[in-house]
PDB file of all heavy atoms in Angstrom:
ATOM      1  N   GLY A   1      90.222 107.245 105.581  1.00  0.00           N
ATOM      2  CA  GLY A   1      89.663 106.093 106.254  1.00  0.00           C
ATOM      3  C   GLY A   1      88.619 105.319 105.474  1.00  0.00           C
ATOM      4  O   GLY A   1      88.092 104.324 105.956  1.00  0.00           O
ATOM      5  N   THR A   2      88.330 105.767 104.257  1.00  0.00           N
ATOM      6  CA  THR A   2      87.357 105.073 103.415  1.00  0.00           C
ATOM      7  C   THR A   2      88.076 104.382 102.267  1.00  0.00           C
ATOM      8  O   THR A   2      88.874 105.015 101.562  1.00  0.00           O
ATOM      9  CB  THR A   2      86.325 106.069 102.838  1.00  0.00           C
ATOM     10  OG1 THR A   2      85.644 106.690 103.928  1.00  0.00           O
ATOM     11  CG2 THR A   2      85.326 105.372 101.939  1.00  0.00           C
ATOM     12  N   ILE A   3      87.813 103.104 102.071  1.00  0.00           N
ATOM     13  CA  ILE A   3      88.423 102.378 100.956  1.00  0.00           C
ATOM     14  C   ILE A   3      87.744 102.827  99.665  1.00  0.00           C
ATOM     15  O   ILE A   3      86.537 102.694  99.509  1.00  0.00           O
ATOM     16  CB  ILE A   3      88.310 100.863 101.134  1.00  0.00           C
ATOM     17  CG1 ILE A   3      89.098 100.440 102.378  1.00  0.00           C
ATOM     18  CG2 ILE A   3      88.824 100.135  99.896  1.00  0.00           C
ATOM     19  CD1 ILE A   3      88.918  99.003 102.768  1.00  0.00           C
ATOM     20  N   ILE A   4      88.544 103.348  98.751  1.00  0.00           N
ATOM     21  CA  ILE A   4      88.047 103.848  97.473  1.00  0.00           C
ATOM     22  C   ILE A   4      88.134 102.765  96.400  1.00  0.00           C
ATOM     23  O   ILE A   4      87.246 102.624  95.573  1.00  0.00           O
ATOM     24  CB  ILE A   4      88.851 105.083  97.014  1.00  0.00           C
ATOM     25  CG1 ILE A   4      88.809 106.178  98.084  1.00  0.00           C
ATOM     26  CG2 ILE A   4      88.378 105.589  95.662  1.00  0.00           C
ATOM     27  CD1 ILE A   4      87.416 106.658  98.440  1.00  0.00           C
ATOM     28  N   ALA A   5      89.228 101.992  96.424  1.00  0.00           N
ATOM     29  CA  ALA A   5      89.424 100.956  95.412  1.00  0.00           C
ATOM     30  C   ALA A   5      90.385  99.897  95.939  1.00  0.00           C
ATOM     31  O   ALA A   5      91.243 100.187  96.777  1.00  0.00           O
ATOM     32  CB  ALA A   5      89.986 101.560  94.130  1.00  0.00           C
ATOM     33  N   CYS A   6      90.226  98.692  95.428  1.00  0.00           N
ATOM     34  CA  CYS A   6      91.122  97.592  95.759  1.00  0.00           C
ATOM     35  C   CYS A   6      91.085  96.605  94.594  1.00  0.00           C
ATOM     36  O   CYS A   6      89.999  96.262  94.112  1.00  0.00           O
ATOM     37  CB  CYS A   6      90.679  96.914  97.049  1.00  0.00           C
ATOM     38  SG  CYS A   6      91.756  95.567  97.553  1.00  0.00           S
ATOM     39  N   ALA A   7      92.257  96.176  94.146  1.00  0.00           N
ATOM     40  CA  ALA A   7      92.312  95.226  93.030  1.00  0.00           C
ATOM     41  C   ALA A   7      93.598  94.415  93.093  1.00  0.00           C
ATOM     42  O   ALA A   7      94.645  94.933  93.479  1.00  0.00           O
ATOM     43  CB  ALA A   7      92.234  95.963  91.694  1.00  0.00           C
ATOM     44  N   SER A   8      93.502  93.167  92.712  1.00  0.00           N
ATOM     45  CA  SER A   8      94.671  92.299  92.605  1.00  0.00           C
ATOM     46  C   SER A   8      95.193  92.333  91.177  1.00  0.00           C
ATOM     47  O   SER A   8      94.414  92.472  90.226  1.00  0.00           O
ATOM     48  CB  SER A   8      94.307  90.863  92.991  1.00  0.00           C
ATOM     49  OG  SER A   8      93.930  90.812  94.346  1.00  0.00           O
ATOM     50  N   GLU A   9      96.493  92.179  91.053  1.00  0.00           N
ATOM     51  CA  GLU A   9      97.119  92.230  89.727  1.00  0.00           C
ATOM     52  C   GLU A   9      96.582  91.139  88.811  1.00  0.00           C
ATOM     53  O   GLU A   9      96.470  91.320  87.608  1.00  0.00           O
ATOM     54  CB  GLU A   9      98.641  92.139  89.857  1.00  0.00           C
ATOM     55  CG  GLU A   9      99.391  92.417  88.594  1.00  0.00           C
ATOM     56  CD  GLU A   9      99.305  93.858  88.093  1.00  0.00           C
ATOM     57  OE1 GLU A   9      98.758  94.729  88.780  1.00  0.00           O
ATOM     58  OE2 GLU A   9      99.816  94.103  86.976  1.00  0.00           O
ATOM     59  N   GLU A  10      96.191  89.992  89.380  1.00  0.00           N
ATOM     60  CA  GLU A  10      95.685  88.890  88.555  1.00  0.00           C
ATOM     61  C   GLU A  10      94.428  89.282  87.783  1.00  0.00           C
ATOM     62  O   GLU A  10      94.134  88.708  86.745  1.00  0.00           O
ATOM     63  CB  GLU A  10      95.418  87.650  89.399  1.00  0.00           C
ATOM     64  CG  GLU A  10      94.210  87.745  90.296  1.00  0.00           C
ATOM     65  CD  GLU A  10      93.909  86.440  91.024  1.00  0.00           C
ATOM     66  OE1 GLU A  10      94.768  85.549  91.096  1.00  0.00           O
ATOM     67  OE2 GLU A  10      92.774  86.325  91.530  1.00  0.00           O
ATOM     68  N   ARG A  11      93.715  90.261  88.271  1.00  0.00           N
ATOM     69  CA  ARG A  11      92.515  90.738  87.566  1.00  0.00           C
ATOM     70  C   ARG A  11      92.874  91.278  86.178  1.00  0.00           C
ATOM     71  O   ARG A  11      92.101  91.171  85.238  1.00  0.00           O
ATOM     72  CB  ARG A  11      91.853  91.833  88.399  1.00  0.00           C
ATOM     73  CG  ARG A  11      90.686  92.476  87.734  1.00  0.00           C
ATOM     74  CD  ARG A  11      90.084  93.549  88.605  1.00  0.00           C
ATOM     75  NE  ARG A  11      88.975  94.161  87.902  1.00  0.00           N
ATOM     76  CZ  ARG A  11      88.471  95.326  88.210  1.00  0.00           C
ATOM     77  NH1 ARG A  11      88.955  96.011  89.211  1.00  0.00           N
ATOM     78  NH2 ARG A  11      87.469  95.820  87.527  1.00  0.00           N
ATOM     79  N   PHE A  12      94.044  91.858  86.071  1.00  0.00           N
ATOM     80  CA  PHE A  12      94.462  92.489  84.824  1.00  0.00           C
ATOM     81  C   PHE A  12      95.319  91.567  83.955  1.00  0.00           C
ATOM     82  O   PHE A  12      95.261  91.631  82.735  1.00  0.00           O
ATOM     83  CB  PHE A  12      95.220  93.782  85.128  1.00  0.00           C
ATOM     84  CG  PHE A  12      94.422  94.705  86.004  1.00  0.00           C
ATOM     85  CD1 PHE A  12      94.625  94.744  87.369  1.00  0.00           C
ATOM     86  CD2 PHE A  12      93.425  95.504  85.455  1.00  0.00           C
ATOM     87  CE1 PHE A  12      93.855  95.578  88.185  1.00  0.00           C
ATOM     88  CE2 PHE A  12      92.653  96.334  86.260  1.00  0.00           C
ATOM     89  CZ  PHE A  12      92.867  96.373  87.629  1.00  0.00           C
ATOM     90  N   THR A  13      96.113  90.706  84.583  1.00  0.00           N
ATOM     91  CA  THR A  13      96.999  89.820  83.819  1.00  0.00           C
ATOM     92  C   THR A  13      96.347  88.480  83.497  1.00  0.00           C
ATOM     93  O   THR A  13      96.823  87.767  82.624  1.00  0.00           O
ATOM     94  CB  THR A  13      98.300  89.546  84.599  1.00  0.00           C
ATOM     95  OG1 THR A  13      97.987  88.827  85.801  1.00  0.00           O
ATOM     96  CG2 THR A  13      99.047  90.834  84.915  1.00  0.00           C
ATOM     97  N   ARG A  14      95.312  88.135  84.246  1.00  0.00           N
ATOM     98  CA  ARG A  14      94.623  86.847  84.107  1.00  0.00           C
ATOM     99  C   ARG A  14      95.523  85.670  84.483  1.00  0.00           C
ATOM    100  O   ARG A  14      95.290  84.545  84.072  1.00  0.00           O
ATOM    101  CB  ARG A  14      94.063  86.642  82.694  1.00  0.00           C
ATOM    102  CG  ARG A  14      93.102  87.716  82.275  1.00  0.00           C
ATOM    103  CD  ARG A  14      91.841  87.627  83.099  1.00  0.00           C
ATOM    104  NE  ARG A  14      90.832  88.544  82.576  1.00  0.00           N
ATOM    105  CZ  ARG A  14      90.019  89.241  83.336  1.00  0.00           C
ATOM    106  NH1 ARG A  14      90.091  89.142  84.626  1.00  0.00           N
ATOM    107  NH2 ARG A  14      89.133  90.041  82.800  1.00  0.00           N
ATOM    108  N   ASN A  15      96.569  85.938  85.300  1.00  0.00           N
ATOM    109  CA  ASN A  15      97.435  84.885  85.825  1.00  0.00           C
ATOM    110  C   ASN A  15      97.061  84.648  87.282  1.00  0.00           C
ATOM    111  O   ASN A  15      97.265  85.520  88.130  1.00  0.00           O
ATOM    112  CB  ASN A  15      98.916  85.294  85.740  1.00  0.00           C
ATOM    113  CG  ASN A  15      99.388  85.421  84.327  1.00  0.00           C
ATOM    114  OD1 ASN A  15      98.973  84.674  83.455  1.00  0.00           O
ATOM    115  ND2 ASN A  15     100.260  86.385  84.076  1.00  0.00           N
ATOM    116  N   LYS A  16      96.497  83.492  87.576  1.00  0.00           N
ATOM    117  CA  LYS A  16      96.047  83.164  88.926  1.00  0.00           C
ATOM    118  C   LYS A  16      97.171  83.360  89.937  1.00  0.00           C
ATOM    119  O   LYS A  16      98.298  82.914  89.720  1.00  0.00           O
ATOM    120  CB  LYS A  16      95.557  81.714  88.953  1.00  0.00           C
ATOM    121  CG  LYS A  16      94.951  81.288  90.247  1.00  0.00           C
ATOM    122  CD  LYS A  16      93.577  81.857  90.383  1.00  0.00           C
ATOM    123  CE  LYS A  16      92.910  81.260  91.608  1.00  0.00           C
ATOM    124  NZ  LYS A  16      91.787  82.015  92.037  1.00  0.00           N
ATOM    125  N   ASN A  17      96.874  84.047  91.048  1.00  0.00           N
ATOM    126  CA  ASN A  17      97.837  84.321  92.117  1.00  0.00           C
ATOM    127  C   ASN A  17      99.100  85.016  91.611  1.00  0.00           C
ATOM    128  O   ASN A  17     100.204  84.730  92.062  1.00  0.00           O
ATOM    129  CB  ASN A  17      98.199  83.049  92.877  1.00  0.00           C
ATOM    130  CG  ASN A  17      97.032  82.475  93.618  1.00  0.00           C
ATOM    131  OD1 ASN A  17      96.242  83.207  94.209  1.00  0.00           O
ATOM    132  ND2 ASN A  17      96.876  81.166  93.578  1.00  0.00           N
ATOM    133  N   ASP A  18      98.937  85.940  90.689  1.00  0.00           N
ATOM    134  CA  ASP A  18     100.064  86.657  90.085  1.00  0.00           C
ATOM    135  C   ASP A  18     100.934  87.296  91.159  1.00  0.00           C
ATOM    136  O   ASP A  18     100.439  87.960  92.063  1.00  0.00           O
ATOM    137  CB  ASP A  18      99.534  87.732  89.131  1.00  0.00           C
ATOM    138  CG  ASP A  18     100.593  88.224  88.163  1.00  0.00           C
ATOM    139  OD1 ASP A  18     101.795  88.138  88.490  1.00  0.00           O
ATOM    140  OD2 ASP A  18     100.210  88.687  87.082  1.00  0.00           O
ATOM    141  N   MET A  19     102.248  87.077  91.070  1.00  0.00           N
ATOM    142  CA  MET A  19     103.198  87.625  92.031  1.00  0.00           C
ATOM    143  C   MET A  19     103.953  88.832  91.472  1.00  0.00           C
ATOM    144  O   MET A  19     104.852  89.358  92.127  1.00  0.00           O
ATOM    145  CB  MET A  19     104.195  86.543  92.457  1.00  0.00           C
ATOM    146  CG  MET A  19     103.549  85.427  93.255  1.00  0.00           C
ATOM    147  SD  MET A  19     104.709  84.140  93.744  1.00  0.00           S
ATOM    148  CE  MET A  19     105.739  85.025  94.893  1.00  0.00           C
ATOM    149  N   ALA A  20     103.581  89.285  90.282  1.00  0.00           N
ATOM    150  CA  ALA A  20     104.260  90.426  89.669  1.00  0.00           C
ATOM    151  C   ALA A  20     103.951  91.705  90.439  1.00  0.00           C
ATOM    152  O   ALA A  20     102.952  91.802  91.148  1.00  0.00           O
ATOM    153  CB  ALA A  20     103.820  90.582  88.220  1.00  0.00           C
ATOM    154  N   TYR A  21     104.826  92.700  90.299  1.00  0.00           N
ATOM    155  CA  TYR A  21     104.571  94.008  90.906  1.00  0.00           C
ATOM    156  C   TYR A  21     103.206  94.498  90.420  1.00  0.00           C
ATOM    157  O   TYR A  21     102.917  94.439  89.219  1.00  0.00           O
ATOM    158  CB  TYR A  21     105.679  94.991  90.501  1.00  0.00           C
ATOM    159  CG  TYR A  21     105.516  96.346  91.103  1.00  0.00           C
ATOM    160  CD1 TYR A  21     105.834  96.564  92.432  1.00  0.00           C
ATOM    161  CD2 TYR A  21     105.004  97.398  90.359  1.00  0.00           C
ATOM    162  CE1 TYR A  21     105.667  97.808  93.007  1.00  0.00           C
ATOM    163  CE2 TYR A  21     104.834  98.646  90.922  1.00  0.00           C
ATOM    164  CZ  TYR A  21     105.169  98.845  92.248  1.00  0.00           C
ATOM    165  OH  TYR A  21     104.990 100.085  92.802  1.00  0.00           O
ATOM    166  N   PRO A  22     102.347  95.001  91.307  1.00  0.00           N
ATOM    167  CA  PRO A  22     100.962  95.324  90.933  1.00  0.00           C
ATOM    168  C   PRO A  22     100.793  96.666  90.200  1.00  0.00           C
ATOM    169  O   PRO A  22      99.981  97.508  90.576  1.00  0.00           O
ATOM    170  CB  PRO A  22     100.245  95.335  92.284  1.00  0.00           C
ATOM    171  CG  PRO A  22     101.288  95.779  93.243  1.00  0.00           C
ATOM    172  CD  PRO A  22     102.567  95.148  92.738  1.00  0.00           C
ATOM    173  N   LYS A  23     101.519  96.847  89.126  1.00  0.00           N
ATOM    174  CA  LYS A  23     101.481  98.109  88.365  1.00  0.00           C
ATOM    175  C   LYS A  23     100.071  98.446  87.882  1.00  0.00           C
ATOM    176  O   LYS A  23      99.583  99.555  88.085  1.00  0.00           O
ATOM    177  CB  LYS A  23     102.429  98.023  87.176  1.00  0.00           C
ATOM    178  CG  LYS A  23     102.461  99.268  86.317  1.00  0.00           C
ATOM    179  CD  LYS A  23     103.409  99.083  85.133  1.00  0.00           C
ATOM    180  CE  LYS A  23     103.577 100.311  84.300  1.00  0.00           C
ATOM    181  NZ  LYS A  23     102.389 100.881  83.741  1.00  0.00           N
ATOM    182  N   ARG A  24      99.407  97.496  87.257  1.00  0.00           N
ATOM    183  CA  ARG A  24      98.065  97.762  86.724  1.00  0.00           C
ATOM    184  C   ARG A  24      97.046  97.964  87.845  1.00  0.00           C
ATOM    185  O   ARG A  24      96.142  98.793  87.730  1.00  0.00           O
ATOM    186  CB  ARG A  24      97.637  96.628  85.802  1.00  0.00           C
ATOM    187  CG  ARG A  24      98.463  96.558  84.521  1.00  0.00           C
ATOM    188  CD  ARG A  24      98.103  95.282  83.739  1.00  0.00           C
ATOM    189  NE  ARG A  24      99.100  94.963  82.747  1.00  0.00           N
ATOM    190  CZ  ARG A  24     100.176  94.205  82.953  1.00  0.00           C
ATOM    191  NH1 ARG A  24     100.395  93.671  84.137  1.00  0.00           N
ATOM    192  NH2 ARG A  24     101.027  93.969  81.986  1.00  0.00           N
ATOM    193  N   ALA A  25      97.206  97.235  88.930  1.00  0.00           N
ATOM    194  CA  ALA A  25      96.303  97.394  90.072  1.00  0.00           C
ATOM    195  C   ALA A  25      96.470  98.781  90.701  1.00  0.00           C
ATOM    196  O   ALA A  25      95.493  99.422  91.081  1.00  0.00           O
ATOM    197  CB  ALA A  25      96.557  96.297  91.102  1.00  0.00           C
ATOM    198  N   ILE A  26      97.708  99.258  90.779  1.00  0.00           N
ATOM    199  CA  ILE A  26      97.966 100.608  91.294  1.00  0.00           C
ATOM    200  C   ILE A  26      97.335 101.648  90.387  1.00  0.00           C
ATOM    201  O   ILE A  26      96.653 102.570  90.853  1.00  0.00           O
ATOM    202  CB  ILE A  26      99.486 100.855  91.424  1.00  0.00           C
ATOM    203  CG1 ILE A  26     100.082  99.982  92.527  1.00  0.00           C
ATOM    204  CG2 ILE A  26      99.770 102.345  91.689  1.00  0.00           C
ATOM    205  CD1 ILE A  26     101.590  99.950  92.548  1.00  0.00           C
ATOM    206  N   GLU A  27      97.546 101.502  89.094  1.00  0.00           N
ATOM    207  CA  GLU A  27      96.962 102.453  88.138  1.00  0.00           C
ATOM    208  C   GLU A  27      95.441 102.482  88.262  1.00  0.00           C
ATOM    209  O   GLU A  27      94.830 103.549  88.224  1.00  0.00           O
ATOM    210  CB  GLU A  27      97.378 102.087  86.713  1.00  0.00           C
ATOM    211  CG  GLU A  27      98.841 102.322  86.446  1.00  0.00           C
ATOM    212  CD  GLU A  27      99.332 101.717  85.132  1.00  0.00           C
ATOM    213  OE1 GLU A  27      98.594 100.908  84.522  1.00  0.00           O
ATOM    214  OE2 GLU A  27     100.463 102.046  84.732  1.00  0.00           O
ATOM    215  N   TYR A  28      94.840 101.315  88.430  1.00  0.00           N
ATOM    216  CA  TYR A  28      93.388 101.220  88.588  1.00  0.00           C
ATOM    217  C   TYR A  28      92.928 101.989  89.834  1.00  0.00           C
ATOM    218  O   TYR A  28      91.975 102.773  89.783  1.00  0.00           O
ATOM    219  CB  TYR A  28      92.976  99.745  88.686  1.00  0.00           C
ATOM    220  CG  TYR A  28      91.554  99.543  89.103  1.00  0.00           C
ATOM    221  CD1 TYR A  28      90.513  99.626  88.178  1.00  0.00           C
ATOM    222  CD2 TYR A  28      91.234  99.259  90.427  1.00  0.00           C
ATOM    223  CE1 TYR A  28      89.195  99.433  88.564  1.00  0.00           C
ATOM    224  CE2 TYR A  28      89.920  99.067  90.823  1.00  0.00           C
ATOM    225  CZ  TYR A  28      88.907  99.160  89.888  1.00  0.00           C
ATOM    226  OH  TYR A  28      87.605  98.975  90.272  1.00  0.00           O
ATOM    227  N   CYS A  29      93.601 101.767  90.950  1.00  0.00           N
ATOM    228  CA  CYS A  29      93.216 102.425  92.202  1.00  0.00           C
ATOM    229  C   CYS A  29      93.364 103.937  92.105  1.00  0.00           C
ATOM    230  O   CYS A  29      92.475 104.679  92.549  1.00  0.00           O
ATOM    231  CB  CYS A  29      94.052 101.887  93.356  1.00  0.00           C
ATOM    232  SG  CYS A  29      93.656 100.185  93.812  1.00  0.00           S
ATOM    233  N   LEU A  30      94.457 104.395  91.529  1.00  0.00           N
ATOM    234  CA  LEU A  30      94.655 105.839  91.392  1.00  0.00           C
ATOM    235  C   LEU A  30      93.597 106.449  90.476  1.00  0.00           C
ATOM    236  O   LEU A  30      93.080 107.532  90.743  1.00  0.00           O
ATOM    237  CB  LEU A  30      96.059 106.142  90.870  1.00  0.00           C
ATOM    238  CG  LEU A  30      97.210 105.765  91.807  1.00  0.00           C
ATOM    239  CD1 LEU A  30      98.546 106.049  91.139  1.00  0.00           C
ATOM    240  CD2 LEU A  30      97.096 106.487  93.138  1.00  0.00           C
ATOM    241  N   GLU A  31      93.266 105.739  89.413  1.00  0.00           N
ATOM    242  CA  GLU A  31      92.232 106.221  88.489  1.00  0.00           C
ATOM    243  C   GLU A  31      90.878 106.309  89.192  1.00  0.00           C
ATOM    244  O   GLU A  31      90.158 107.299  89.045  1.00  0.00           O
ATOM    245  CB  GLU A  31      92.144 105.296  87.283  1.00  0.00           C
ATOM    246  CG  GLU A  31      91.108 105.736  86.258  1.00  0.00           C
ATOM    247  CD  GLU A  31      91.046 104.785  85.071  1.00  0.00           C
ATOM    248  OE1 GLU A  31      92.108 104.366  84.583  1.00  0.00           O
ATOM    249  OE2 GLU A  31      89.910 104.457  84.662  1.00  0.00           O
ATOM    250  N   LYS A  32      90.530 105.273  89.962  1.00  0.00           N
ATOM    251  CA  LYS A  32      89.251 105.280  90.686  1.00  0.00           C
ATOM    252  C   LYS A  32      89.192 106.414  91.706  1.00  0.00           C
ATOM    253  O   LYS A  32      88.127 106.970  91.958  1.00  0.00           O
ATOM    254  CB  LYS A  32      89.011 103.947  91.389  1.00  0.00           C
ATOM    255  CG  LYS A  32      88.650 102.837  90.452  1.00  0.00           C
ATOM    256  CD  LYS A  32      87.311 103.102  89.809  1.00  0.00           C
ATOM    257  CE  LYS A  32      86.948 102.040  88.820  1.00  0.00           C
ATOM    258  NZ  LYS A  32      85.731 102.333  88.098  1.00  0.00           N
ATOM    259  N   GLY A  33      90.339 106.743  92.290  1.00  0.00           N
ATOM    260  CA  GLY A  33      90.389 107.832  93.257  1.00  0.00           C
ATOM    261  C   GLY A  33      90.567 109.189  92.622  1.00  0.00           C
ATOM    262  O   GLY A  33      90.581 110.204  93.304  1.00  0.00           O
ATOM    263  N   ASN A  34      90.743 109.202  91.299  1.00  0.00           N
ATOM    264  CA  ASN A  34      90.952 110.440  90.548  1.00  0.00           C
ATOM    265  C   ASN A  34      92.136 111.232  91.094  1.00  0.00           C
ATOM    266  O   ASN A  34      92.035 112.449  91.295  1.00  0.00           O
ATOM    267  CB  ASN A  34      89.666 111.289  90.542  1.00  0.00           C
ATOM    268  CG  ASN A  34      89.701 112.334  89.461  1.00  0.00           C
ATOM    269  OD1 ASN A  34      90.325 112.156  88.421  1.00  0.00           O
ATOM    270  ND2 ASN A  34      89.028 113.451  89.699  1.00  0.00           N
ATOM    271  N   ILE A  35      93.248 110.506  91.367  1.00  0.00           N
ATOM    272  CA  ILE A  35      94.453 111.155  91.874  1.00  0.00           C
ATOM    273  C   ILE A  35      95.675 110.638  91.131  1.00  0.00           C
ATOM    274  O   ILE A  35      95.619 109.618  90.430  1.00  0.00           O
ATOM    275  CB  ILE A  35      94.638 110.932  93.388  1.00  0.00           C
ATOM    276  CG1 ILE A  35      94.846 109.446  93.708  1.00  0.00           C
ATOM    277  CG2 ILE A  35      93.470 111.510  94.171  1.00  0.00           C
ATOM    278  CD1 ILE A  35      95.233 109.201  95.145  1.00  0.00           C
ATOM    279  N   ASN A  36      96.787 111.347  91.310  1.00  0.00           N
ATOM    280  CA  ASN A  36      98.094 110.945  90.775  1.00  0.00           C
ATOM    281  C   ASN A  36      98.931 110.387  91.912  1.00  0.00           C
ATOM    282  O   ASN A  36      98.655 110.658  93.082  1.00  0.00           O
ATOM    283  CB  ASN A  36      98.821 112.144  90.168  1.00  0.00           C
ATOM    284  CG  ASN A  36      98.095 112.713  88.987  1.00  0.00           C
ATOM    285  OD1 ASN A  36      97.684 111.977  88.097  1.00  0.00           O
ATOM    286  ND2 ASN A  36      97.913 114.019  88.985  1.00  0.00           N
ATOM    287  N   GLY A  37      99.973 109.692  91.567  1.00  0.00           N
ATOM    288  CA  GLY A  37     100.878 109.168  92.581  1.00  0.00           C
ATOM    289  C   GLY A  37     101.452 110.261  93.470  1.00  0.00           C
ATOM    290  O   GLY A  37     101.669 110.054  94.662  1.00  0.00           O
ATOM    291  N   SER A  38     101.675 111.430  92.914  1.00  0.00           N
ATOM    292  CA  SER A  38     102.240 112.538  93.691  1.00  0.00           C
ATOM    293  C   SER A  38     101.251 113.090  94.720  1.00  0.00           C
ATOM    294  O   SER A  38     101.638 113.823  95.631  1.00  0.00           O
ATOM    295  CB  SER A  38     102.703 113.656  92.755  1.00  0.00           C
ATOM    296  OG  SER A  38     101.603 114.169  92.018  1.00  0.00           O
ATOM    297  N   ASP A  39      99.975 112.725  94.608  1.00  0.00           N
ATOM    298  CA  ASP A  39      98.957 113.158  95.566  1.00  0.00           C
ATOM    299  C   ASP A  39      98.930 112.295  96.828  1.00  0.00           C
ATOM    300  O   ASP A  39      98.295 112.661  97.813  1.00  0.00           O
ATOM    301  CB  ASP A  39      97.559 113.111  94.924  1.00  0.00           C
ATOM    302  CG  ASP A  39      97.406 114.070  93.760  1.00  0.00           C
ATOM    303  OD1 ASP A  39      98.014 115.157  93.800  1.00  0.00           O
ATOM    304  OD2 ASP A  39      96.678 113.724  92.812  1.00  0.00           O
ATOM    305  N   LEU A  40      99.608 111.150  96.798  1.00  0.00           N
ATOM    306  CA  LEU A  40      99.582 110.220  97.925  1.00  0.00           C
ATOM    307  C   LEU A  40     100.360 110.775  99.111  1.00  0.00           C
ATOM    308  O   LEU A  40     101.406 111.400  98.951  1.00  0.00           O
ATOM    309  CB  LEU A  40     100.177 108.871  97.521  1.00  0.00           C
ATOM    310  CG  LEU A  40      99.403 108.088  96.478  1.00  0.00           C
ATOM    311  CD1 LEU A  40     100.229 106.911  95.981  1.00  0.00           C
ATOM    312  CD2 LEU A  40      98.068 107.626  97.034  1.00  0.00           C
ATOM    313  N   ASP A  41      99.852 110.511 100.310  1.00  0.00           N
ATOM    314  CA  ASP A  41     100.550 110.887 101.538  1.00  0.00           C
ATOM    315  C   ASP A  41     101.428 109.755 102.044  1.00  0.00           C
ATOM    316  O   ASP A  41     102.481 109.990 102.625  1.00  0.00           O
ATOM    317  CB  ASP A  41      99.531 111.260 102.623  1.00  0.00           C
ATOM    318  CG  ASP A  41      98.733 112.489 102.241  1.00  0.00           C
ATOM    319  OD1 ASP A  41      99.344 113.563 102.095  1.00  0.00           O
ATOM    320  OD2 ASP A  41      97.507 112.372 102.061  1.00  0.00           O
ATOM    321  N   VAL A  42     100.970 108.525 101.842  1.00  0.00           N
ATOM    322  CA  VAL A  42     101.674 107.355 102.361  1.00  0.00           C
ATOM    323  C   VAL A  42     101.513 106.196 101.391  1.00  0.00           C
ATOM    324  O   VAL A  42     100.458 106.033 100.790  1.00  0.00           O
ATOM    325  CB  VAL A  42     101.092 106.926 103.736  1.00  0.00           C
ATOM    326  CG1 VAL A  42     101.729 105.647 104.227  1.00  0.00           C
ATOM    327  CG2 VAL A  42     101.240 108.022 104.764  1.00  0.00           C
ATOM    328  N   VAL A  43     102.577 105.401 101.260  1.00  0.00           N
ATOM    329  CA  VAL A  43     102.485 104.106 100.583  1.00  0.00           C
ATOM    330  C   VAL A  43     102.884 103.064 101.620  1.00  0.00           C
ATOM    331  O   VAL A  43     104.001 103.098 102.145  1.00  0.00           O
ATOM    332  CB  VAL A  43     103.406 104.018  99.348  1.00  0.00           C
ATOM    333  CG1 VAL A  43     103.355 102.622  98.749  1.00  0.00           C
ATOM    334  CG2 VAL A  43     103.023 105.065  98.316  1.00  0.00           C
ATOM    335  N   ALA A  44     101.951 102.177 101.959  1.00  0.00           N
ATOM    336  CA  ALA A  44     102.190 101.135 102.949  1.00  0.00           C
ATOM    337  C   ALA A  44     102.361  99.813 102.217  1.00  0.00           C
ATOM    338  O   ALA A  44     101.540  99.454 101.375  1.00  0.00           O
ATOM    339  CB  ALA A  44     101.016 101.051 103.918  1.00  0.00           C
ATOM    340  N   ILE A  45     103.444  99.090 102.547  1.00  0.00           N
ATOM    341  CA  ILE A  45     103.742  97.834 101.863  1.00  0.00           C
ATOM    342  C   ILE A  45     103.719  96.685 102.860  1.00  0.00           C
ATOM    343  O   ILE A  45     104.389  96.730 103.890  1.00  0.00           O
ATOM    344  CB  ILE A  45     105.127  97.892 101.176  1.00  0.00           C
ATOM    345  CG1 ILE A  45     105.152  99.024 100.152  1.00  0.00           C
ATOM    346  CG2 ILE A  45     105.457  96.559 100.523  1.00  0.00           C
ATOM    347  CD1 ILE A  45     106.512  99.270  99.546  1.00  0.00           C
ATOM    348  N   ALA A  46     102.939  95.669 102.533  1.00  0.00           N
ATOM    349  CA  ALA A  46     102.897  94.443 103.326  1.00  0.00           C
ATOM    350  C   ALA A  46     103.543  93.341 102.501  1.00  0.00           C
ATOM    351  O   ALA A  46     103.184  93.143 101.347  1.00  0.00           O
ATOM    352  CB  ALA A  46     101.458  94.071 103.656  1.00  0.00           C
TER     353      ALA A  46
END
């Protein structure tokens, strides 16, 4: 229930309103949480 990290892909690509899959943003969030993708319980997509 606590937000650990949040980032938009444009932060990493420097493309305003980037619509690319947020690969770098995901990597950033997992790194900040000190976890791997396999540690996740849920992936919610909007």
